[in-house]
Amino acid sequence: SPIRNNESNTFHGGGVRVHNRVNATFDNSPITGNSTVQRGGGIAVSTYATVRLIDSPVDSNDAGTSGGGVAVWDYSNLRLTNCSVDSNSAVEDGGGVYVELATFNMLNCTITRNIATNGAALRANNTQNVGLINITVADNVASGIGGGIRAFSSTIELMNGIFWNNSP
């Protein structure tokens, strides 16, 4: 089922918030047009939660802080398979994706046309478990650092990735 046009004016997760050891799978569930004043305009995953998104685009969401499309932090786990993360925005970090102290994996996905101050496509912060396989990262724009990816004290494993026209 689609998750569209929702907003959170007080907390994380404009479209969806998965929190506190919850496990969830979203299959063929577009997450579009959502917003939050905090993290995770489309979806926020935190505090040991585990989420899988399969064939579920995360597009046109906005975050007041980080993770315009998706935000995952606090020892949680998020896996995207056959997904797009497109045209999301964050005021601070990770227009498409924000990861902090968490596990994040993408397989057969695109991260395109996202906007943020830092890490327009993906911002990884203090994270050792980021895996990107068969991905395209294109046309993302940061006003600060890292149109494609900005990482701090993080490890990112990339296999078969295309990076194109990200700025700066």
N, C-alpha and C. Protein backbone atom coordinates (compact mmCIF):
# COMPACT_ATOMS: atom_id res chain seq x y z
N SER A 1 0.84 -1.19 0.00
CA SER A 1 0.00 0.00 0.00
C SER A 1 0.88 1.25 0.00
N PRO A 2 0.50 2.28 -0.73
CA PRO A 2 1.29 3.51 -0.76
C PRO A 2 1.22 4.27 0.56
N ILE A 3 2.33 4.95 0.87
CA ILE A 3 2.40 5.81 2.05
C ILE A 3 2.68 7.20 1.50
N ARG A 4 1.63 8.02 1.41
CA ARG A 4 1.73 9.29 0.69
C ARG A 4 1.19 10.47 1.48
N ASN A 5 1.89 11.59 1.30
CA ASN A 5 1.40 12.91 1.74
C ASN A 5 1.08 12.99 3.23
N ASN A 6 1.97 12.45 4.05
CA ASN A 6 1.83 12.55 5.50
C ASN A 6 2.87 13.52 6.03
N GLU A 7 2.65 14.02 7.25
CA GLU A 7 3.66 14.88 7.85
C GLU A 7 3.70 14.73 9.35
N SER A 8 4.90 14.95 9.89
CA SER A 8 5.11 14.94 11.32
C SER A 8 5.67 16.30 11.71
N ASN A 9 4.94 17.03 12.50
CA ASN A 9 5.38 18.36 12.92
C ASN A 9 6.12 18.35 14.24
N THR A 10 6.28 17.18 14.85
CA THR A 10 6.93 17.13 16.15
C THR A 10 8.07 16.13 16.27
N PHE A 11 8.09 15.08 15.44
CA PHE A 11 9.09 14.06 15.65
C PHE A 11 9.58 13.46 14.34
N HIS A 12 10.35 12.37 14.39
CA HIS A 12 10.95 11.73 13.24
C HIS A 12 9.90 10.93 12.45
N GLY A 13 10.17 10.77 11.14
CA GLY A 13 9.35 9.91 10.31
C GLY A 13 8.10 10.58 9.77
N GLY A 14 8.23 11.27 8.65
CA GLY A 14 7.06 11.90 8.05
C GLY A 14 6.06 10.89 7.52
N GLY A 15 6.55 9.86 6.84
CA GLY A 15 5.67 8.82 6.31
C GLY A 15 5.54 7.64 7.25
N VAL A 16 6.70 7.14 7.73
CA VAL A 16 6.72 5.95 8.59
C VAL A 16 7.81 6.13 9.63
N ARG A 17 7.54 5.69 10.85
CA ARG A 17 8.58 5.58 11.87
C ARG A 17 8.56 4.17 12.42
N VAL A 18 9.70 3.49 12.30
CA VAL A 18 9.86 2.14 12.84
C VAL A 18 10.91 2.25 13.93
N HIS A 19 10.53 1.87 15.16
CA HIS A 19 11.33 2.22 16.33
C HIS A 19 11.28 1.12 17.38
N ASN A 20 12.36 1.00 18.14
CA ASN A 20 12.40 0.18 19.34
C ASN A 20 12.18 -1.32 19.09
N ARG A 21 13.14 -1.91 18.36
CA ARG A 21 13.20 -3.36 18.14
C ARG A 21 12.06 -3.93 17.30
N VAL A 22 11.39 -3.10 16.54
CA VAL A 22 10.34 -3.57 15.64
C VAL A 22 10.98 -4.05 14.34
N ASN A 23 10.45 -5.14 13.76
CA ASN A 23 10.87 -5.63 12.46
C ASN A 23 9.73 -5.39 11.48
N ALA A 24 10.03 -4.83 10.30
CA ALA A 24 8.98 -4.54 9.32
C ALA A 24 9.50 -4.73 7.91
N THR A 25 8.62 -5.16 7.02
CA THR A 25 8.93 -5.28 5.60
C THR A 25 7.87 -4.53 4.81
N PHE A 26 8.33 -3.70 3.87
CA PHE A 26 7.44 -2.97 2.98
C PHE A 26 7.74 -3.47 1.57
N ASP A 27 6.77 -4.10 0.92
CA ASP A 27 6.94 -4.66 -0.41
C ASP A 27 5.96 -3.97 -1.35
N ASN A 28 6.51 -3.36 -2.40
CA ASN A 28 5.69 -2.63 -3.37
C ASN A 28 4.84 -1.57 -2.67
N SER A 29 5.48 -0.78 -1.81
CA SER A 29 4.81 0.27 -1.04
C SER A 29 5.52 1.60 -1.27
N PRO A 30 5.13 2.37 -2.28
CA PRO A 30 5.78 3.66 -2.51
C PRO A 30 5.65 4.58 -1.30
N ILE A 31 6.75 5.24 -0.96
CA ILE A 31 6.77 6.20 0.15
C ILE A 31 7.08 7.56 -0.47
N THR A 32 6.05 8.36 -0.70
CA THR A 32 6.21 9.59 -1.47
C THR A 32 5.45 10.77 -0.87
N GLY A 33 6.06 11.96 -1.01
CA GLY A 33 5.40 13.20 -0.64
C GLY A 33 5.20 13.43 0.84
N ASN A 34 6.04 12.82 1.68
CA ASN A 34 5.92 12.96 3.13
C ASN A 34 6.94 13.97 3.65
N SER A 35 6.71 14.48 4.87
CA SER A 35 7.65 15.44 5.44
C SER A 35 7.67 15.36 6.96
N THR A 36 8.81 15.79 7.52
CA THR A 36 8.97 15.85 8.97
C THR A 36 9.86 17.03 9.32
N VAL A 37 9.72 17.53 10.52
CA VAL A 37 10.61 18.60 10.99
C VAL A 37 11.92 18.02 11.53
N GLN A 38 11.99 16.70 11.70
CA GLN A 38 13.17 16.03 12.24
C GLN A 38 13.84 15.17 11.16
N ARG A 39 14.21 13.94 11.51
CA ARG A 39 14.87 13.00 10.60
C ARG A 39 13.85 12.10 9.88
N GLY A 40 14.22 11.70 8.66
CA GLY A 40 13.44 10.69 7.95
C GLY A 40 12.14 11.22 7.37
N GLY A 41 12.24 12.03 6.33
CA GLY A 41 11.03 12.56 5.69
C GLY A 41 10.12 11.46 5.19
N GLY A 42 10.70 10.44 4.55
CA GLY A 42 9.93 9.30 4.07
C GLY A 42 9.77 8.23 5.14
N ILE A 43 10.91 7.77 5.66
CA ILE A 43 10.89 6.72 6.68
C ILE A 43 12.05 6.92 7.65
N ALA A 44 11.77 6.75 8.92
CA ALA A 44 12.77 6.83 9.99
C ALA A 44 12.84 5.47 10.69
N VAL A 45 14.07 4.94 10.82
CA VAL A 45 14.28 3.63 11.44
C VAL A 45 15.29 3.82 12.56
N SER A 46 14.88 3.51 13.80
CA SER A 46 15.77 3.78 14.94
C SER A 46 15.61 2.78 16.07
N THR A 47 16.60 2.79 16.94
CA THR A 47 16.64 2.02 18.19
C THR A 47 16.43 0.52 17.96
N TYR A 48 17.43 -0.09 17.31
CA TYR A 48 17.49 -1.54 17.11
C TYR A 48 16.36 -2.10 16.24
N ALA A 49 15.74 -1.28 15.43
CA ALA A 49 14.69 -1.75 14.52
C ALA A 49 15.32 -2.33 13.25
N THR A 50 14.58 -3.18 12.56
CA THR A 50 15.03 -3.78 11.30
C THR A 50 13.93 -3.60 10.26
N VAL A 51 14.31 -3.03 9.10
CA VAL A 51 13.33 -2.77 8.04
C VAL A 51 13.90 -3.21 6.70
N ARG A 52 13.02 -3.79 5.88
CA ARG A 52 13.35 -4.10 4.50
C ARG A 52 12.35 -3.39 3.60
N LEU A 53 12.86 -2.69 2.60
CA LEU A 53 12.03 -2.08 1.56
C LEU A 53 12.33 -2.82 0.26
N ILE A 54 11.30 -3.38 -0.36
CA ILE A 54 11.46 -4.14 -1.59
C ILE A 54 10.54 -3.54 -2.65
N ASP A 55 11.11 -3.19 -3.80
CA ASP A 55 10.32 -2.61 -4.90
C ASP A 55 9.45 -1.45 -4.39
N SER A 56 10.01 -0.63 -3.54
CA SER A 56 9.27 0.47 -2.91
C SER A 56 10.04 1.78 -3.09
N PRO A 57 9.65 2.61 -4.06
CA PRO A 57 10.34 3.89 -4.24
C PRO A 57 10.15 4.82 -3.06
N VAL A 58 11.21 5.57 -2.75
CA VAL A 58 11.18 6.58 -1.69
C VAL A 58 11.48 7.90 -2.37
N ASP A 59 10.44 8.61 -2.77
CA ASP A 59 10.59 9.76 -3.64
C ASP A 59 9.83 10.98 -3.11
N SER A 60 10.44 12.16 -3.32
CA SER A 60 9.80 13.46 -3.06
C SER A 60 9.38 13.65 -1.61
N ASN A 61 10.26 13.29 -0.68
CA ASN A 61 10.04 13.49 0.75
C ASN A 61 10.99 14.57 1.26
N ASP A 62 10.66 15.18 2.40
CA ASP A 62 11.47 16.26 2.95
C ASP A 62 11.68 16.08 4.45
N ALA A 63 12.91 16.42 4.90
CA ALA A 63 13.24 16.37 6.33
C ALA A 63 13.78 17.72 6.78
N GLY A 64 13.36 18.16 7.95
CA GLY A 64 13.83 19.42 8.51
C GLY A 64 15.25 19.35 9.02
N THR A 65 15.75 18.13 9.28
CA THR A 65 17.15 17.98 9.69
C THR A 65 17.86 17.04 8.70
N SER A 66 17.81 15.73 8.92
CA SER A 66 18.59 14.78 8.11
C SER A 66 17.72 13.65 7.57
N GLY A 67 18.18 13.10 6.43
CA GLY A 67 17.48 11.96 5.84
C GLY A 67 16.17 12.34 5.17
N GLY A 68 16.25 13.09 4.10
CA GLY A 68 15.04 13.49 3.40
C GLY A 68 14.21 12.31 2.95
N GLY A 69 14.87 11.30 2.37
CA GLY A 69 14.17 10.07 1.97
C GLY A 69 14.09 9.09 3.11
N VAL A 70 15.27 8.65 3.59
CA VAL A 70 15.32 7.68 4.69
C VAL A 70 16.39 8.08 5.69
N ALA A 71 16.14 7.79 6.94
CA ALA A 71 17.12 7.97 8.00
C ALA A 71 17.12 6.70 8.84
N VAL A 72 18.33 6.19 9.10
CA VAL A 72 18.47 5.00 9.95
C VAL A 72 19.59 5.27 10.93
N TRP A 73 19.34 5.02 12.21
CA TRP A 73 20.33 5.30 13.25
C TRP A 73 20.06 4.48 14.49
N ASP A 74 20.94 4.62 15.45
CA ASP A 74 20.80 3.99 16.76
C ASP A 74 20.74 2.46 16.67
N TYR A 75 21.75 1.86 15.98
CA TYR A 75 21.94 0.42 15.92
C TYR A 75 20.80 -0.32 15.21
N SER A 76 20.19 0.35 14.27
CA SER A 76 19.13 -0.26 13.48
C SER A 76 19.68 -0.80 12.17
N ASN A 77 18.82 -1.45 11.39
CA ASN A 77 19.22 -2.10 10.15
C ASN A 77 18.17 -1.79 9.09
N LEU A 78 18.62 -1.26 7.95
CA LEU A 78 17.72 -0.96 6.84
C LEU A 78 18.30 -1.51 5.56
N ARG A 79 17.48 -2.24 4.80
CA ARG A 79 17.91 -2.80 3.51
C ARG A 79 16.90 -2.41 2.44
N LEU A 80 17.40 -1.81 1.35
CA LEU A 80 16.58 -1.45 0.20
C LEU A 80 16.96 -2.33 -0.98
N THR A 81 15.97 -2.94 -1.61
CA THR A 81 16.19 -3.79 -2.77
C THR A 81 15.27 -3.35 -3.89
N ASN A 82 15.86 -3.13 -5.08
CA ASN A 82 15.10 -2.70 -6.26
C ASN A 82 14.28 -1.45 -5.98
N CYS A 83 14.94 -0.43 -5.43
CA CYS A 83 14.25 0.79 -5.03
C CYS A 83 14.89 2.02 -5.68
N SER A 84 14.12 3.09 -5.72
CA SER A 84 14.67 4.39 -6.08
C SER A 84 14.55 5.30 -4.87
N VAL A 85 15.55 6.16 -4.70
CA VAL A 85 15.50 7.23 -3.69
C VAL A 85 15.72 8.50 -4.50
N ASP A 86 14.64 9.18 -4.84
CA ASP A 86 14.68 10.23 -5.84
C ASP A 86 13.97 11.50 -5.37
N SER A 87 14.60 12.63 -5.64
CA SER A 87 13.99 13.96 -5.44
C SER A 87 13.57 14.22 -4.00
N ASN A 88 14.39 13.77 -3.05
CA ASN A 88 14.16 14.07 -1.63
C ASN A 88 15.05 15.22 -1.21
N SER A 89 14.72 15.85 -0.08
CA SER A 89 15.57 16.94 0.41
C SER A 89 15.66 16.93 1.92
N ALA A 90 16.83 17.38 2.40
CA ALA A 90 17.05 17.54 3.83
C ALA A 90 17.75 18.87 4.05
N VAL A 91 17.36 19.57 5.10
CA VAL A 91 17.97 20.86 5.40
C VAL A 91 19.44 20.68 5.75
N GLU A 92 19.78 19.61 6.47
CA GLU A 92 21.16 19.40 6.90
C GLU A 92 21.84 18.30 6.08
N ASP A 93 21.81 17.06 6.54
CA ASP A 93 22.59 15.98 5.95
C ASP A 93 21.72 14.90 5.33
N GLY A 94 22.24 14.30 4.23
CA GLY A 94 21.57 13.14 3.64
C GLY A 94 20.25 13.45 2.99
N GLY A 95 20.28 14.13 1.87
CA GLY A 95 19.02 14.41 1.16
C GLY A 95 18.28 13.15 0.80
N GLY A 96 19.02 12.14 0.32
CA GLY A 96 18.40 10.85 0.01
C GLY A 96 18.40 9.92 1.20
N VAL A 97 19.62 9.71 1.77
CA VAL A 97 19.79 8.72 2.84
C VAL A 97 20.71 9.30 3.92
N TYR A 98 20.32 9.10 5.18
CA TYR A 98 21.16 9.45 6.32
C TYR A 98 21.35 8.21 7.18
N VAL A 99 22.62 7.86 7.47
CA VAL A 99 22.94 6.67 8.27
C VAL A 99 23.89 7.07 9.39
N GLU A 100 23.53 6.71 10.63
CA GLU A 100 24.40 6.99 11.77
C GLU A 100 24.32 5.83 12.76
N LEU A 101 25.48 5.24 13.09
CA LEU A 101 25.55 4.12 14.03
C LEU A 101 24.51 3.06 13.70
N ALA A 102 24.50 2.61 12.43
CA ALA A 102 23.50 1.66 11.97
C ALA A 102 24.06 0.83 10.82
N THR A 103 23.28 -0.14 10.37
CA THR A 103 23.61 -0.94 9.20
C THR A 103 22.67 -0.55 8.07
N PHE A 104 23.25 -0.29 6.89
CA PHE A 104 22.45 0.12 5.74
C PHE A 104 22.96 -0.58 4.49
N ASN A 105 22.05 -1.21 3.74
CA ASN A 105 22.41 -1.90 2.51
C ASN A 105 21.45 -1.54 1.39
N MET A 106 22.00 -1.38 0.18
CA MET A 106 21.20 -1.15 -1.02
C MET A 106 21.62 -2.14 -2.08
N LEU A 107 20.65 -2.73 -2.77
CA LEU A 107 20.91 -3.66 -3.85
C LEU A 107 20.00 -3.30 -5.03
N ASN A 108 20.61 -3.05 -6.18
CA ASN A 108 19.86 -2.72 -7.40
C ASN A 108 18.98 -1.49 -7.22
N CYS A 109 19.58 -0.39 -6.79
CA CYS A 109 18.83 0.84 -6.50
C CYS A 109 19.46 2.05 -7.19
N THR A 110 18.69 3.11 -7.24
CA THR A 110 19.19 4.40 -7.70
C THR A 110 18.98 5.44 -6.61
N ILE A 111 19.93 6.37 -6.51
CA ILE A 111 19.81 7.52 -5.62
C ILE A 111 20.03 8.74 -6.51
N THR A 112 18.96 9.44 -6.85
CA THR A 112 19.04 10.50 -7.84
C THR A 112 18.28 11.76 -7.42
N ARG A 113 18.81 12.90 -7.86
CA ARG A 113 18.16 14.21 -7.74
C ARG A 113 17.77 14.60 -6.32
N ASN A 114 18.61 14.27 -5.36
CA ASN A 114 18.36 14.65 -3.97
C ASN A 114 19.16 15.90 -3.63
N ILE A 115 18.70 16.64 -2.62
CA ILE A 115 19.33 17.90 -2.22
C ILE A 115 19.54 17.92 -0.71
N ALA A 116 20.73 18.39 -0.29
CA ALA A 116 21.02 18.57 1.14
C ALA A 116 22.22 19.50 1.27
N THR A 117 22.49 19.92 2.49
CA THR A 117 23.70 20.71 2.72
C THR A 117 24.93 19.83 2.54
N ASN A 118 24.95 18.64 3.16
CA ASN A 118 26.08 17.71 3.07
C ASN A 118 25.57 16.31 2.74
N GLY A 119 26.28 15.63 1.83
CA GLY A 119 25.88 14.27 1.47
C GLY A 119 24.51 14.24 0.82
N ALA A 120 24.37 14.88 -0.32
CA ALA A 120 23.05 14.99 -0.95
C ALA A 120 22.44 13.62 -1.24
N ALA A 121 23.24 12.67 -1.74
CA ALA A 121 22.72 11.33 -1.98
C ALA A 121 22.71 10.52 -0.69
N LEU A 122 23.90 10.47 -0.03
CA LEU A 122 24.03 9.65 1.17
C LEU A 122 25.01 10.29 2.14
N ARG A 123 24.63 10.35 3.39
CA ARG A 123 25.50 10.84 4.46
C ARG A 123 25.67 9.73 5.48
N ALA A 124 26.91 9.25 5.65
CA ALA A 124 27.21 8.22 6.63
C ALA A 124 28.04 8.84 7.75
N ASN A 125 27.62 8.63 8.98
CA ASN A 125 28.27 9.24 10.13
C ASN A 125 28.50 8.17 11.21
N ASN A 126 29.77 7.91 11.53
CA ASN A 126 30.11 6.92 12.57
C ASN A 126 29.44 5.57 12.31
N THR A 127 29.56 5.10 11.07
CA THR A 127 28.89 3.87 10.65
C THR A 127 29.89 2.96 9.95
N GLN A 128 29.96 1.73 10.37
CA GLN A 128 30.90 0.79 9.77
C GLN A 128 30.25 -0.22 8.85
N ASN A 129 28.94 -0.17 8.69
CA ASN A 129 28.24 -1.21 7.94
C ASN A 129 27.34 -0.62 6.86
N VAL A 130 27.95 -0.08 5.80
CA VAL A 130 27.19 0.40 4.66
C VAL A 130 27.63 -0.40 3.44
N GLY A 131 26.67 -1.07 2.80
CA GLY A 131 26.96 -1.86 1.60
C GLY A 131 26.10 -1.38 0.45
N LEU A 132 26.74 -1.07 -0.67
CA LEU A 132 26.05 -0.57 -1.86
C LEU A 132 26.43 -1.47 -3.04
N ILE A 133 25.46 -2.19 -3.58
CA ILE A 133 25.72 -3.13 -4.67
C ILE A 133 24.78 -2.82 -5.84
N ASN A 134 25.37 -2.66 -7.03
CA ASN A 134 24.60 -2.36 -8.24
C ASN A 134 23.74 -1.11 -8.06
N ILE A 135 24.39 0.01 -7.77
CA ILE A 135 23.65 1.24 -7.56
C ILE A 135 24.11 2.32 -8.54
N THR A 136 23.21 3.25 -8.78
CA THR A 136 23.52 4.45 -9.56
C THR A 136 23.23 5.65 -8.67
N VAL A 137 24.22 6.54 -8.57
CA VAL A 137 24.10 7.77 -7.78
C VAL A 137 24.32 8.92 -8.75
N ALA A 138 23.26 9.67 -9.07
CA ALA A 138 23.37 10.68 -10.12
C ALA A 138 22.53 11.92 -9.82
N ASP A 139 23.06 13.07 -10.27
CA ASP A 139 22.33 14.34 -10.26
C ASP A 139 21.91 14.81 -8.87
N ASN A 140 22.71 14.50 -7.86
CA ASN A 140 22.45 14.96 -6.49
C ASN A 140 23.25 16.24 -6.25
N VAL A 141 22.68 17.17 -5.47
CA VAL A 141 23.32 18.47 -5.28
C VAL A 141 23.41 18.80 -3.79
N ALA A 142 24.64 19.05 -3.34
CA ALA A 142 24.89 19.51 -1.97
C ALA A 142 25.32 20.97 -2.02
N SER A 143 24.81 21.77 -1.10
CA SER A 143 25.26 23.16 -1.03
C SER A 143 26.56 23.26 -0.23
N GLY A 144 26.89 22.20 0.53
CA GLY A 144 28.13 22.16 1.30
C GLY A 144 29.11 21.17 0.69
N ILE A 145 29.22 19.98 1.29
CA ILE A 145 30.20 18.98 0.88
C ILE A 145 29.49 17.67 0.51
N GLY A 146 29.92 17.05 -0.59
CA GLY A 146 29.47 15.70 -0.92
C GLY A 146 28.16 15.62 -1.66
N GLY A 147 28.16 15.97 -2.94
CA GLY A 147 26.96 15.79 -3.74
C GLY A 147 26.55 14.34 -3.84
N GLY A 148 27.54 13.44 -3.95
CA GLY A 148 27.25 12.00 -4.00
C GLY A 148 27.18 11.43 -2.60
N ILE A 149 28.36 11.27 -1.97
CA ILE A 149 28.42 10.70 -0.63
C ILE A 149 29.33 11.56 0.24
N ARG A 150 28.93 11.77 1.46
CA ARG A 150 29.81 12.33 2.48
C ARG A 150 29.85 11.35 3.64
N ALA A 151 31.06 10.92 3.99
CA ALA A 151 31.21 9.95 5.08
C ALA A 151 32.19 10.49 6.11
N PHE A 152 31.88 10.27 7.38
CA PHE A 152 32.75 10.63 8.48
C PHE A 152 32.88 9.43 9.39
N SER A 153 34.12 8.99 9.63
CA SER A 153 34.39 7.87 10.51
C SER A 153 33.49 6.68 10.18
N SER A 154 33.44 6.34 8.88
CA SER A 154 32.54 5.30 8.38
C SER A 154 33.25 4.41 7.37
N THR A 155 32.71 3.20 7.19
CA THR A 155 33.19 2.29 6.17
C THR A 155 32.05 2.00 5.22
N ILE A 156 32.31 2.23 3.92
CA ILE A 156 31.31 1.97 2.89
C ILE A 156 31.90 0.99 1.89
N GLU A 157 31.20 -0.13 1.67
CA GLU A 157 31.62 -1.10 0.67
C GLU A 157 30.77 -0.90 -0.57
N LEU A 158 31.43 -0.65 -1.70
CA LEU A 158 30.74 -0.37 -2.96
C LEU A 158 31.14 -1.41 -3.99
N MET A 159 30.13 -2.01 -4.64
CA MET A 159 30.39 -2.96 -5.70
C MET A 159 29.49 -2.61 -6.89
N ASN A 160 30.10 -2.37 -8.03
CA ASN A 160 29.37 -2.07 -9.26
C ASN A 160 28.48 -0.84 -9.10
N GLY A 161 29.12 0.29 -8.84
CA GLY A 161 28.39 1.55 -8.67
C GLY A 161 28.71 2.53 -9.78
N ILE A 162 27.72 3.31 -10.18
CA ILE A 162 27.89 4.38 -11.14
C ILE A 162 27.61 5.70 -10.42
N PHE A 163 28.58 6.62 -10.47
CA PHE A 163 28.41 7.96 -9.90
C PHE A 163 28.50 8.95 -11.05
N TRP A 164 27.47 9.78 -11.21
CA TRP A 164 27.42 10.65 -12.37
C TRP A 164 26.77 12.00 -12.01
N ASN A 165 27.46 13.06 -12.34
CA ASN A 165 26.91 14.41 -12.30
C ASN A 165 26.41 14.83 -10.92
N ASN A 166 27.11 14.47 -9.86
CA ASN A 166 26.80 14.93 -8.51
C ASN A 166 27.65 16.15 -8.21
N SER A 167 27.12 17.11 -7.46
CA SER A 167 27.92 18.31 -7.16
C SER A 167 27.66 18.80 -5.76
N PRO A 168 28.61 19.51 -5.13
CA PRO A 168 29.99 19.59 -5.59
C PRO A 168 30.73 18.30 -5.30
